[in-house]
Every structure is written in structure tokens, then in C-alpha cells.
N, C-alpha and C. Protein backbone atom coordinates (compact mmCIF):
# COMPACT_ATOMS: atom_id res chain seq x y z
N UNK A 1 95.47 -0.31 -1.17
CA UNK A 1 94.99 -0.26 0.21
C UNK A 1 93.87 0.78 0.32
N UNK A 2 92.83 0.40 0.99
CA UNK A 2 91.71 1.32 1.19
C UNK A 2 92.04 2.32 2.28
N UNK A 3 91.53 3.53 2.11
CA UNK A 3 91.65 4.51 3.19
C UNK A 3 90.77 4.06 4.35
N UNK A 4 91.07 4.51 5.54
CA UNK A 4 90.25 4.17 6.72
C UNK A 4 88.81 4.63 6.50
N UNK A 5 88.65 5.82 5.94
CA UNK A 5 87.30 6.34 5.72
C UNK A 5 86.50 5.43 4.78
N UNK A 6 87.13 5.00 3.69
CA UNK A 6 86.43 4.14 2.74
C UNK A 6 86.20 2.76 3.34
N UNK A 7 87.18 2.23 4.04
CA UNK A 7 87.04 0.93 4.69
C UNK A 7 85.84 0.94 5.65
N UNK A 8 85.77 1.97 6.49
CA UNK A 8 84.65 2.09 7.44
C UNK A 8 83.32 2.23 6.71
N UNK A 9 83.31 3.01 5.62
CA UNK A 9 82.07 3.22 4.86
C UNK A 9 81.60 1.94 4.18
N UNK A 10 82.53 1.14 3.68
CA UNK A 10 82.13 -0.13 3.04
C UNK A 10 81.59 -1.10 4.10
N UNK A 11 82.21 -1.14 5.27
CA UNK A 11 81.67 -1.98 6.34
C UNK A 11 80.26 -1.52 6.73
N UNK A 12 80.05 -0.22 6.78
CA UNK A 12 78.71 0.30 7.08
C UNK A 12 77.73 -0.09 5.97
N UNK A 13 78.22 -0.10 4.73
CA UNK A 13 77.36 -0.47 3.60
C UNK A 13 76.97 -1.94 3.68
N UNK A 14 77.89 -2.78 4.13
CA UNK A 14 77.56 -4.20 4.31
C UNK A 14 76.40 -4.32 5.29
N UNK A 15 76.47 -3.58 6.38
CA UNK A 15 75.39 -3.60 7.36
C UNK A 15 74.09 -3.10 6.73
N UNK A 16 74.16 -2.04 5.92
CA UNK A 16 72.97 -1.49 5.27
C UNK A 16 72.37 -2.51 4.30
N UNK A 17 73.22 -3.24 3.59
CA UNK A 17 72.72 -4.25 2.65
C UNK A 17 72.04 -5.39 3.40
N UNK A 18 72.62 -5.80 4.52
CA UNK A 18 72.01 -6.86 5.31
C UNK A 18 70.70 -6.38 5.95
N UNK A 19 70.65 -5.10 6.36
CA UNK A 19 69.39 -4.53 6.87
C UNK A 19 68.35 -4.53 5.76
N UNK A 20 68.77 -4.17 4.54
CA UNK A 20 67.85 -4.20 3.40
C UNK A 20 67.30 -5.61 3.18
N UNK A 21 68.18 -6.60 3.27
CA UNK A 21 67.74 -7.99 3.11
C UNK A 21 66.69 -8.33 4.17
N UNK A 22 66.97 -7.93 5.39
CA UNK A 22 66.05 -8.20 6.50
C UNK A 22 64.71 -7.49 6.29
N UNK A 23 64.76 -6.25 5.80
CA UNK A 23 63.53 -5.50 5.50
C UNK A 23 62.71 -6.24 4.44
N UNK A 24 63.36 -6.68 3.38
CA UNK A 24 62.62 -7.34 2.31
C UNK A 24 62.12 -8.72 2.72
N UNK A 25 62.84 -9.37 3.60
CA UNK A 25 62.33 -10.63 4.15
C UNK A 25 61.07 -10.37 4.98
N UNK A 26 61.08 -9.30 5.77
CA UNK A 26 59.89 -8.94 6.56
C UNK A 26 58.72 -8.61 5.65
N UNK A 27 58.98 -7.91 4.56
CA UNK A 27 57.92 -7.59 3.61
C UNK A 27 57.38 -8.87 2.97
N UNK A 28 58.28 -9.79 2.64
CA UNK A 28 57.86 -11.06 2.07
C UNK A 28 56.94 -11.82 3.03
N UNK A 29 57.32 -11.86 4.30
CA UNK A 29 56.52 -12.59 5.29
C UNK A 29 55.17 -11.91 5.51
N UNK A 30 55.15 -10.58 5.51
CA UNK A 30 53.88 -9.86 5.69
C UNK A 30 52.96 -10.10 4.50
N UNK A 31 53.53 -10.04 3.29
CA UNK A 31 52.72 -10.27 2.09
C UNK A 31 52.16 -11.69 2.09
N UNK A 32 52.99 -12.65 2.45
CA UNK A 32 52.52 -14.03 2.48
C UNK A 32 51.42 -14.22 3.52
N UNK A 33 51.58 -13.59 4.68
CA UNK A 33 50.56 -13.69 5.73
C UNK A 33 49.23 -13.11 5.28
N UNK A 34 49.29 -12.15 4.35
CA UNK A 34 48.07 -11.51 3.85
C UNK A 34 47.54 -12.19 2.59
N UNK A 35 48.17 -13.30 2.18
CA UNK A 35 47.67 -14.06 1.04
C UNK A 35 48.23 -13.64 -0.30
N UNK A 36 49.21 -12.78 -0.32
CA UNK A 36 49.82 -12.33 -1.57
C UNK A 36 51.11 -13.11 -1.83
N UNK A 37 50.96 -14.33 -2.29
CA UNK A 37 52.13 -15.19 -2.49
C UNK A 37 53.06 -14.67 -3.58
N UNK A 38 52.53 -14.04 -4.59
CA UNK A 38 53.36 -13.47 -5.65
C UNK A 38 54.19 -12.29 -5.15
N UNK A 39 53.56 -11.41 -4.39
CA UNK A 39 54.27 -10.28 -3.79
C UNK A 39 55.34 -10.82 -2.83
N UNK A 40 54.97 -11.84 -2.07
CA UNK A 40 55.92 -12.47 -1.15
C UNK A 40 57.12 -13.01 -1.93
N UNK A 41 56.86 -13.64 -3.06
CA UNK A 41 57.95 -14.15 -3.90
C UNK A 41 58.84 -13.01 -4.39
N UNK A 42 58.23 -11.92 -4.86
CA UNK A 42 59.00 -10.79 -5.37
C UNK A 42 59.93 -10.27 -4.29
N UNK A 43 59.42 -10.13 -3.07
CA UNK A 43 60.25 -9.64 -1.97
C UNK A 43 61.28 -10.68 -1.52
N UNK A 44 60.97 -11.94 -1.65
CA UNK A 44 61.95 -12.95 -1.28
C UNK A 44 63.14 -12.91 -2.25
N UNK A 45 62.86 -12.67 -3.52
CA UNK A 45 63.95 -12.50 -4.49
C UNK A 45 64.76 -11.26 -4.12
N UNK A 46 64.08 -10.18 -3.73
CA UNK A 46 64.79 -8.97 -3.29
C UNK A 46 65.69 -9.28 -2.09
N UNK A 47 65.18 -10.04 -1.16
CA UNK A 47 65.94 -10.47 0.02
C UNK A 47 67.24 -11.13 -0.41
N UNK A 48 67.15 -12.06 -1.34
CA UNK A 48 68.34 -12.78 -1.80
C UNK A 48 69.31 -11.86 -2.54
N UNK A 49 68.76 -10.92 -3.32
CA UNK A 49 69.62 -9.98 -4.03
C UNK A 49 70.40 -9.09 -3.05
N UNK A 50 69.74 -8.66 -1.99
CA UNK A 50 70.43 -7.82 -1.00
C UNK A 50 71.52 -8.60 -0.28
N UNK A 51 71.28 -9.88 -0.03
CA UNK A 51 72.34 -10.72 0.53
C UNK A 51 73.52 -10.79 -0.44
N UNK A 52 73.23 -10.90 -1.73
CA UNK A 52 74.29 -10.89 -2.74
C UNK A 52 75.09 -9.60 -2.67
N UNK A 53 74.38 -8.48 -2.55
CA UNK A 53 75.06 -7.19 -2.51
C UNK A 53 76.02 -7.12 -1.32
N UNK A 54 75.56 -7.59 -0.18
CA UNK A 54 76.43 -7.61 1.00
C UNK A 54 77.65 -8.48 0.73
N UNK A 55 77.42 -9.63 0.11
CA UNK A 55 78.54 -10.55 -0.17
C UNK A 55 79.53 -9.93 -1.15
N UNK A 56 79.05 -9.19 -2.14
CA UNK A 56 79.94 -8.52 -3.09
C UNK A 56 80.85 -7.54 -2.35
N UNK A 57 80.27 -6.77 -1.44
CA UNK A 57 81.09 -5.84 -0.66
C UNK A 57 82.07 -6.59 0.24
N UNK A 58 81.64 -7.69 0.84
CA UNK A 58 82.54 -8.48 1.68
C UNK A 58 83.69 -9.04 0.84
N UNK A 59 83.37 -9.59 -0.32
CA UNK A 59 84.41 -10.11 -1.20
C UNK A 59 85.38 -9.01 -1.60
N UNK A 60 84.83 -7.82 -1.86
CA UNK A 60 85.69 -6.71 -2.26
C UNK A 60 86.66 -6.34 -1.14
N UNK A 61 86.15 -6.22 0.07
CA UNK A 61 87.05 -5.91 1.19
C UNK A 61 88.13 -6.99 1.32
N UNK A 62 87.73 -8.24 1.24
CA UNK A 62 88.70 -9.32 1.33
C UNK A 62 89.75 -9.23 0.23
N UNK A 63 89.31 -8.88 -0.97
CA UNK A 63 90.25 -8.79 -2.09
C UNK A 63 91.24 -7.64 -1.93
N UNK A 64 90.86 -6.66 -1.11
CA UNK A 64 91.73 -5.51 -0.87
C UNK A 64 92.47 -5.65 0.46
N UNK A 65 92.45 -6.83 1.03
CA UNK A 65 93.13 -7.13 2.29
C UNK A 65 92.64 -6.21 3.42
N UNK A 66 91.33 -5.99 3.41
CA UNK A 66 90.68 -5.14 4.42
C UNK A 66 89.70 -6.02 5.20
N UNK A 67 89.64 -5.82 6.48
CA UNK A 67 88.81 -6.66 7.36
C UNK A 67 87.33 -6.32 7.23
N UNK A 68 86.52 -7.37 7.12
CA UNK A 68 85.07 -7.23 7.17
C UNK A 68 84.68 -7.21 8.64
N UNK A 69 83.94 -6.18 9.03
CA UNK A 69 83.48 -6.05 10.41
C UNK A 69 81.96 -6.06 10.40
N UNK A 70 81.38 -7.16 10.84
CA UNK A 70 79.92 -7.27 10.85
C UNK A 70 79.37 -6.63 12.12
N UNK A 71 78.33 -5.84 11.92
CA UNK A 71 77.67 -5.14 13.02
C UNK A 71 76.26 -5.70 13.21
N UNK A 72 75.67 -5.47 14.39
CA UNK A 72 74.27 -5.92 14.58
C UNK A 72 73.34 -5.25 13.57
N UNK A 73 72.31 -5.97 13.21
CA UNK A 73 71.31 -5.44 12.28
C UNK A 73 70.14 -4.90 13.08
N UNK A 74 69.81 -3.64 12.86
CA UNK A 74 68.68 -3.03 13.56
C UNK A 74 67.36 -3.67 13.15
N UNK A 75 66.38 -3.55 14.00
CA UNK A 75 65.04 -4.08 13.73
C UNK A 75 64.43 -3.38 12.51
N UNK A 76 63.54 -4.09 11.85
CA UNK A 76 62.82 -3.56 10.69
C UNK A 76 61.33 -3.56 11.00
N UNK A 77 60.54 -2.79 10.25
CA UNK A 77 59.08 -2.89 10.42
C UNK A 77 58.60 -4.31 10.14
N UNK A 78 57.42 -4.64 10.61
CA UNK A 78 56.91 -5.99 10.44
C UNK A 78 55.62 -6.08 9.63
N UNK A 79 54.95 -4.96 9.45
CA UNK A 79 53.67 -5.00 8.75
C UNK A 79 53.44 -3.70 7.98
N UNK A 80 52.66 -3.82 6.89
CA UNK A 80 52.35 -2.68 6.05
C UNK A 80 50.86 -2.68 5.78
N UNK A 81 50.33 -1.50 5.53
CA UNK A 81 48.88 -1.34 5.31
C UNK A 81 48.43 -2.01 4.01
N UNK A 82 49.27 -1.90 2.98
CA UNK A 82 48.86 -2.43 1.67
C UNK A 82 50.10 -2.77 0.85
N UNK A 83 49.89 -3.44 -0.25
CA UNK A 83 50.98 -3.76 -1.17
C UNK A 83 51.56 -2.46 -1.73
N UNK A 84 50.70 -1.51 -2.04
CA UNK A 84 51.19 -0.21 -2.54
C UNK A 84 52.10 0.45 -1.51
N UNK A 85 51.73 0.37 -0.24
CA UNK A 85 52.57 0.94 0.81
C UNK A 85 53.93 0.25 0.88
N UNK A 86 53.94 -1.07 0.68
CA UNK A 86 55.22 -1.80 0.66
C UNK A 86 56.11 -1.25 -0.45
N UNK A 87 55.54 -1.10 -1.64
CA UNK A 87 56.34 -0.64 -2.77
C UNK A 87 56.78 0.81 -2.59
N UNK A 88 55.94 1.62 -1.96
CA UNK A 88 56.34 3.01 -1.68
C UNK A 88 57.51 3.04 -0.70
N UNK A 89 57.46 2.21 0.33
CA UNK A 89 58.57 2.16 1.27
C UNK A 89 59.82 1.60 0.59
N UNK A 90 59.63 0.68 -0.32
CA UNK A 90 60.76 0.14 -1.08
C UNK A 90 61.46 1.24 -1.86
N UNK A 91 60.69 2.09 -2.54
CA UNK A 91 61.30 3.18 -3.30
C UNK A 91 62.05 4.12 -2.38
N UNK A 92 61.44 4.51 -1.26
CA UNK A 92 62.12 5.41 -0.33
C UNK A 92 63.40 4.79 0.22
N UNK A 93 63.33 3.52 0.51
CA UNK A 93 64.51 2.82 1.01
C UNK A 93 65.60 2.76 -0.06
N UNK A 94 65.23 2.43 -1.28
CA UNK A 94 66.22 2.35 -2.36
C UNK A 94 66.86 3.71 -2.64
N UNK A 95 66.12 4.78 -2.47
CA UNK A 95 66.71 6.12 -2.63
C UNK A 95 67.79 6.35 -1.57
N UNK A 96 67.55 5.88 -0.36
CA UNK A 96 68.56 6.00 0.70
C UNK A 96 69.80 5.17 0.37
N UNK A 97 69.58 3.98 -0.14
CA UNK A 97 70.71 3.13 -0.52
C UNK A 97 71.49 3.78 -1.65
N UNK A 98 70.79 4.38 -2.60
CA UNK A 98 71.47 5.10 -3.69
C UNK A 98 72.38 6.18 -3.12
N UNK A 99 71.89 6.92 -2.15
CA UNK A 99 72.71 7.97 -1.54
C UNK A 99 73.95 7.37 -0.86
N UNK A 100 73.78 6.24 -0.20
CA UNK A 100 74.92 5.58 0.45
C UNK A 100 75.96 5.13 -0.58
N UNK A 101 75.49 4.55 -1.67
CA UNK A 101 76.40 4.08 -2.73
C UNK A 101 77.12 5.28 -3.35
N UNK A 102 76.37 6.34 -3.61
CA UNK A 102 76.99 7.55 -4.16
C UNK A 102 78.06 8.10 -3.22
N UNK A 103 77.82 8.01 -1.93
CA UNK A 103 78.80 8.46 -0.95
C UNK A 103 80.07 7.60 -1.03
N UNK A 104 79.91 6.29 -1.17
CA UNK A 104 81.08 5.42 -1.33
C UNK A 104 81.89 5.84 -2.55
N UNK A 105 81.21 6.09 -3.65
CA UNK A 105 81.91 6.49 -4.88
C UNK A 105 82.61 7.83 -4.69
N UNK A 106 81.98 8.74 -3.97
CA UNK A 106 82.59 10.05 -3.73
C UNK A 106 83.86 9.92 -2.89
N UNK A 107 83.80 9.08 -1.86
CA UNK A 107 85.00 8.86 -1.03
C UNK A 107 86.11 8.24 -1.88
N UNK A 108 85.77 7.23 -2.67
CA UNK A 108 86.77 6.58 -3.53
C UNK A 108 87.34 7.58 -4.52
N UNK A 109 86.49 8.44 -5.05
CA UNK A 109 86.96 9.47 -5.98
C UNK A 109 87.94 10.42 -5.29
N UNK A 110 87.59 10.87 -4.09
CA UNK A 110 88.49 11.75 -3.33
C UNK A 110 89.82 11.06 -3.03
N UNK A 111 89.76 9.74 -2.80
CA UNK A 111 90.97 8.96 -2.52
C UNK A 111 91.75 8.61 -3.80
N UNK A 112 91.16 8.89 -4.95
CA UNK A 112 91.73 8.48 -6.24
C UNK A 112 91.92 6.96 -6.27
N UNK A 113 90.95 6.27 -5.70
CA UNK A 113 90.96 4.81 -5.62
C UNK A 113 90.13 4.27 -6.78
N UNK A 114 90.78 4.09 -7.92
CA UNK A 114 90.08 3.74 -9.14
C UNK A 114 89.53 2.32 -9.12
N UNK A 115 90.17 1.41 -8.42
CA UNK A 115 89.64 0.05 -8.29
C UNK A 115 88.29 0.08 -7.58
N UNK A 116 88.21 0.88 -6.51
CA UNK A 116 86.94 0.98 -5.78
C UNK A 116 85.88 1.67 -6.63
N UNK A 117 86.26 2.72 -7.32
CA UNK A 117 85.30 3.41 -8.20
C UNK A 117 84.73 2.41 -9.20
N UNK A 118 85.59 1.59 -9.77
CA UNK A 118 85.14 0.60 -10.74
C UNK A 118 84.14 -0.37 -10.11
N UNK A 119 84.40 -0.86 -8.90
CA UNK A 119 83.48 -1.78 -8.23
C UNK A 119 82.16 -1.09 -7.93
N UNK A 120 82.22 0.15 -7.47
CA UNK A 120 81.00 0.86 -7.08
C UNK A 120 80.13 1.22 -8.27
N UNK A 121 80.72 1.31 -9.46
CA UNK A 121 79.94 1.63 -10.66
C UNK A 121 78.85 0.59 -10.90
N UNK A 122 79.15 -0.69 -10.63
CA UNK A 122 78.13 -1.72 -10.78
C UNK A 122 76.94 -1.42 -9.87
N UNK A 123 77.23 -1.02 -8.64
CA UNK A 123 76.16 -0.72 -7.68
C UNK A 123 75.38 0.53 -8.09
N UNK A 124 76.06 1.52 -8.62
CA UNK A 124 75.37 2.74 -9.08
C UNK A 124 74.36 2.38 -10.16
N UNK A 125 74.79 1.57 -11.13
CA UNK A 125 73.87 1.12 -12.18
C UNK A 125 72.73 0.29 -11.61
N UNK A 126 73.04 -0.57 -10.66
CA UNK A 126 72.04 -1.41 -10.01
C UNK A 126 70.97 -0.56 -9.32
N UNK A 127 71.39 0.52 -8.68
CA UNK A 127 70.44 1.38 -7.96
C UNK A 127 69.48 2.10 -8.91
N UNK A 128 69.95 2.46 -10.09
CA UNK A 128 69.04 3.07 -11.08
C UNK A 128 67.92 2.08 -11.39
N UNK A 129 68.31 0.82 -11.59
CA UNK A 129 67.33 -0.24 -11.87
C UNK A 129 66.39 -0.48 -10.69
N UNK A 130 66.94 -0.50 -9.48
CA UNK A 130 66.11 -0.75 -8.28
C UNK A 130 65.05 0.34 -8.11
N UNK A 131 65.44 1.59 -8.28
CA UNK A 131 64.47 2.68 -8.13
C UNK A 131 63.41 2.64 -9.23
N UNK A 132 63.84 2.35 -10.46
CA UNK A 132 62.90 2.27 -11.57
C UNK A 132 61.88 1.14 -11.33
N UNK A 133 62.36 -0.02 -10.89
CA UNK A 133 61.45 -1.14 -10.60
C UNK A 133 60.44 -0.76 -9.53
N UNK A 134 60.90 -0.10 -8.47
CA UNK A 134 59.98 0.29 -7.39
C UNK A 134 58.92 1.26 -7.90
N UNK A 135 59.32 2.22 -8.72
CA UNK A 135 58.34 3.17 -9.26
C UNK A 135 57.29 2.45 -10.12
N UNK A 136 57.74 1.49 -10.92
CA UNK A 136 56.81 0.73 -11.76
C UNK A 136 55.85 -0.08 -10.91
N UNK A 137 56.34 -0.67 -9.83
CA UNK A 137 55.49 -1.47 -8.96
C UNK A 137 54.49 -0.61 -8.19
N UNK A 138 54.91 0.59 -7.81
CA UNK A 138 53.96 1.52 -7.16
C UNK A 138 52.82 1.81 -8.13
N UNK A 139 53.16 2.14 -9.36
CA UNK A 139 52.12 2.46 -10.36
C UNK A 139 51.19 1.28 -10.56
N UNK A 140 51.75 0.08 -10.66
CA UNK A 140 50.92 -1.11 -10.86
C UNK A 140 50.01 -1.36 -9.67
N UNK A 141 50.56 -1.27 -8.46
CA UNK A 141 49.76 -1.52 -7.26
C UNK A 141 48.67 -0.46 -7.09
N UNK A 142 49.00 0.79 -7.38
CA UNK A 142 47.99 1.85 -7.27
C UNK A 142 46.91 1.69 -8.33
N UNK A 143 47.27 1.19 -9.50
CA UNK A 143 46.30 1.01 -10.58
C UNK A 143 45.25 -0.04 -10.25
N UNK A 144 45.62 -1.03 -9.43
CA UNK A 144 44.67 -2.11 -9.12
C UNK A 144 44.12 -2.02 -7.70
N UNK A 145 44.51 -0.99 -6.97
CA UNK A 145 44.05 -0.87 -5.57
C UNK A 145 42.53 -0.90 -5.52
N UNK A 146 42.01 -1.78 -4.69
CA UNK A 146 40.56 -1.91 -4.55
C UNK A 146 39.93 -2.83 -5.58
N UNK A 147 40.70 -3.31 -6.53
CA UNK A 147 40.20 -4.20 -7.57
C UNK A 147 40.78 -5.58 -7.30
N UNK A 148 39.96 -6.48 -6.77
CA UNK A 148 40.44 -7.80 -6.38
C UNK A 148 41.01 -8.59 -7.57
N UNK A 149 40.35 -8.51 -8.71
CA UNK A 149 40.85 -9.23 -9.88
C UNK A 149 42.18 -8.65 -10.33
N UNK A 150 42.28 -7.33 -10.35
CA UNK A 150 43.53 -6.68 -10.74
C UNK A 150 44.67 -7.04 -9.80
N UNK A 151 44.38 -7.08 -8.50
CA UNK A 151 45.41 -7.45 -7.53
C UNK A 151 45.79 -8.91 -7.70
N UNK A 152 44.81 -9.74 -8.00
CA UNK A 152 45.08 -11.15 -8.25
C UNK A 152 46.04 -11.30 -9.44
N UNK A 153 45.80 -10.55 -10.51
CA UNK A 153 46.64 -10.63 -11.70
C UNK A 153 48.05 -10.09 -11.42
N UNK A 154 48.15 -9.00 -10.68
CA UNK A 154 49.46 -8.46 -10.32
C UNK A 154 50.22 -9.46 -9.47
N UNK A 155 49.52 -10.06 -8.51
CA UNK A 155 50.15 -11.05 -7.64
C UNK A 155 50.66 -12.24 -8.46
N UNK A 156 49.87 -12.69 -9.43
CA UNK A 156 50.29 -13.81 -10.30
C UNK A 156 51.53 -13.41 -11.11
N UNK A 157 51.56 -12.19 -11.59
CA UNK A 157 52.71 -11.71 -12.37
C UNK A 157 53.98 -11.70 -11.50
N UNK A 158 53.86 -11.23 -10.27
CA UNK A 158 55.01 -11.14 -9.38
C UNK A 158 55.49 -12.52 -8.93
N UNK A 159 54.59 -13.50 -8.97
CA UNK A 159 54.96 -14.87 -8.60
C UNK A 159 55.94 -15.48 -9.61
N UNK A 160 55.99 -14.93 -10.80
CA UNK A 160 56.85 -15.48 -11.85
C UNK A 160 58.31 -15.01 -11.73
N UNK A 161 58.57 -14.06 -10.88
CA UNK A 161 59.94 -13.54 -10.75
C UNK A 161 60.85 -14.63 -10.19
N UNK A 162 62.03 -14.75 -10.78
CA UNK A 162 62.99 -15.74 -10.31
C UNK A 162 64.29 -15.03 -9.90
N UNK A 163 65.00 -15.69 -9.02
CA UNK A 163 66.28 -15.17 -8.52
C UNK A 163 67.38 -15.47 -9.53
N UNK A 164 68.21 -14.48 -9.79
CA UNK A 164 69.40 -14.65 -10.59
C UNK A 164 70.56 -14.07 -9.79
N UNK A 165 71.60 -14.86 -9.62
CA UNK A 165 72.75 -14.40 -8.84
C UNK A 165 73.36 -13.16 -9.49
N UNK A 166 73.75 -12.20 -8.66
CA UNK A 166 74.36 -10.96 -9.13
C UNK A 166 75.63 -11.28 -9.91
N UNK A 167 75.82 -10.62 -11.04
CA UNK A 167 76.95 -10.94 -11.91
C UNK A 167 78.33 -10.85 -11.24
N UNK A 168 78.59 -9.89 -10.34
CA UNK A 168 79.91 -9.90 -9.70
C UNK A 168 80.19 -11.16 -8.88
N UNK A 169 79.14 -11.81 -8.39
CA UNK A 169 79.32 -13.06 -7.65
C UNK A 169 79.54 -14.23 -8.59
N UNK A 170 78.86 -14.21 -9.71
CA UNK A 170 78.97 -15.30 -10.67
C UNK A 170 80.41 -15.42 -11.19
N UNK A 171 81.10 -14.30 -11.29
CA UNK A 171 82.47 -14.32 -11.79
C UNK A 171 83.49 -14.45 -10.67
N UNK A 172 83.06 -14.22 -9.41
CA UNK A 172 84.01 -14.21 -8.29
C UNK A 172 84.09 -15.55 -7.56
N UNK A 173 83.04 -16.34 -7.62
CA UNK A 173 83.02 -17.55 -6.80
C UNK A 173 83.02 -18.81 -7.64
């Protein structure tokens, strides 16, 4: 059984993951409106991944006989100055998500809830990857800023990204 504190924190995390999905969907739409179909694709894959993350947390609560409580999703920004700015905001956002995940693990640790610690370890590893990807994309976008051909090539590269369902979902459903 989850502690009330951990139960509440996981429900808050579900909301944060859905907000993240909404943010990345907004970034995808802004990039597409500006003609960056590859960047739009990259963010659309991010959107789907964040939905997966929310679903993993929902499945986890259900598996622990804890109620999922969905909350309203706050508004997100709608436009960005540049692709580099999008990636910079992505990194800052992912750092916040990392802090939230670390907080979940800390609560589970204090509760000596080893099942929850085990589930959260996947997310901890995922966040290392998310931050690293954002840093690499910032560097790439800054390297081609002002260079139309370079931006065209980066956009083409990002168009090749495909969605892969998160492994905890592949084994759970």
C-alpha cells in the first residue's frame, strides 16, 4: 500500500507528465506552423512519450490499488522565438521533471517502499537520457542558427525520429 504522501505525489506526477505532453504538442504545432516539419515530428514523438509516462504512472497506481486522480492541465506557452529556444526550454523543463522524479524516489525511500523505488528507477534513467538529448539538440540548433542549409539538414534529421512505446508499457499491456 502506498503512503498518502507518495500516492498524492504520483497523482501530481501524472498531471506533470500530461502537462509535459501538452507542452511538447504545442512546440510541435509551433514548429510546424513555422515550416520545420522535422522539428515538429521530433516534438510530436516527445508528446507521445510523455503520454506513455503518464500511463505508466497510472498503471502503477492501479497495480497498487491506489486511485488515479486526474487534475486539470494548466495552459502552456504557444510560440517560441526559434528552434534553439524550444530546445533550451525543453532542457529546463526536463530538469524540473528530473527533480519531481527524484522527489518521488526520495518519498518511496523514506517509506521503505521498494516496489515504488524499483518503478521510479526506470524514470530516473529516462530523465538522464531526456536531459542529454536536449543538450545535444541545443548544441545542434545553435551550431546552425542563421544558416538556412544547416537548419534544413537538422530539420531533415529530426524528421527521421520514430515513436517507440516505452518499455514498461510494452510489458504491461
